[in-house]
Amino acid sequence: MAAKDGLTNVLITDMFEAEVVRGLLESNGIPVMVMNNSLSNVLSSYGAQVSIMVNPTDADAARKILSERGNE
């Protein structure tokens, strides 16, 4: 998993699913940053991919939560 600015990527998905995942992780006490992987913010609303980024210390817990949900 790539790290950017001290964060670890735990999932790449579309913006709509990213909001669901953000809510799931944050409700489990894991702060989340959603990073747009597109060159255009306009495209991100229409299916472009985004990365779910978490602190490295939370990465294993986040992956476990996602795998239990079936999203890894």
Protein backbone atom coordinates (compact mmCIF):
# COMPACT_ATOMS: atom_id res chain seq x y z
CA MET A 1 0.00 0.00 0.00
CA ALA A 2 1.30 3.41 -0.92
CA ALA A 3 1.82 6.03 1.75
CA LYS A 4 1.28 9.72 1.08
CA ASP A 5 1.91 12.46 3.60
CA GLY A 6 2.24 9.85 6.34
CA LEU A 7 -1.07 8.18 5.47
CA THR A 8 -1.70 4.65 4.22
CA ASN A 9 -4.07 3.71 1.40
CA VAL A 10 -6.47 0.97 2.49
CA LEU A 11 -8.96 1.04 -0.40
CA ILE A 12 -9.46 2.50 -3.87
CA THR A 13 -13.09 2.94 -4.86
CA ASP A 14 -15.54 5.47 -6.32
CA MET A 15 -16.67 8.58 -4.44
CA PHE A 16 -20.08 7.20 -3.53
CA GLU A 17 -18.69 4.03 -1.92
CA ALA A 18 -15.92 6.11 -0.31
CA GLU A 19 -18.51 8.03 1.70
CA VAL A 20 -20.04 4.79 2.97
CA VAL A 21 -16.59 3.44 3.89
CA ARG A 22 -15.64 6.72 5.55
CA GLY A 23 -18.73 6.51 7.76
CA LEU A 24 -18.02 2.88 8.62
CA LEU A 25 -14.39 3.52 9.59
CA GLU A 26 -15.08 6.76 11.44
CA SER A 27 -17.88 5.08 13.42
CA ASN A 28 -15.20 2.63 14.53
CA GLY A 29 -12.91 5.43 15.68
CA ILE A 30 -10.62 5.51 12.63
CA PRO A 31 -10.07 8.97 11.11
CA VAL A 32 -10.27 8.88 7.30
CA MET A 33 -9.05 11.10 4.47
CA VAL A 34 -10.57 10.60 1.02
CA MET A 35 -8.12 11.54 -1.72
CA ASN A 36 -9.21 12.20 -5.28
CA ASN A 37 -7.08 10.20 -7.75
CA SER A 38 -8.46 12.13 -10.71
CA LEU A 39 -6.98 15.18 -12.35
CA SER A 40 -10.41 16.77 -12.31
CA ASN A 41 -12.68 17.26 -9.31
CA VAL A 42 -15.65 17.25 -11.68
CA LEU A 43 -14.95 13.67 -12.74
CA SER A 44 -14.72 12.35 -9.18
CA SER A 45 -18.49 12.63 -8.81
CA TYR A 46 -19.00 10.47 -11.87
CA GLY A 47 -17.10 7.33 -10.99
CA ALA A 48 -13.46 8.38 -10.94
CA GLN A 49 -11.43 6.57 -8.33
CA VAL A 50 -10.57 7.90 -4.89
CA SER A 51 -8.30 6.49 -2.19
CA ILE A 52 -9.33 5.85 1.39
CA MET A 53 -6.34 6.96 3.47
CA VAL A 54 -5.80 6.32 7.19
CA ASN A 55 -2.99 6.72 9.70
CA PRO A 56 -0.51 3.85 9.44
CA THR A 57 -1.29 2.85 13.03
CA ASP A 58 -4.97 2.38 12.03
CA ALA A 59 -4.33 0.58 8.74
CA ASP A 60 -4.58 -3.01 10.02
CA ALA A 61 -7.78 -2.28 11.92
CA ALA A 62 -9.27 -0.51 8.90
CA ARG A 63 -8.41 -3.42 6.59
CA LYS A 64 -9.96 -5.86 9.06
CA ILE A 65 -13.19 -3.84 9.19
CA LEU A 66 -13.29 -3.64 5.40
CA SER A 67 -12.57 -7.34 4.94
CA GLU A 68 -15.39 -8.19 7.36
CA ARG A 69 -17.64 -6.03 5.21
CA GLY A 70 -16.32 -7.72 2.05
CA ASN A 71 -14.61 -4.68 0.53
CA GLU A 72 -10.92 -5.54 0.48
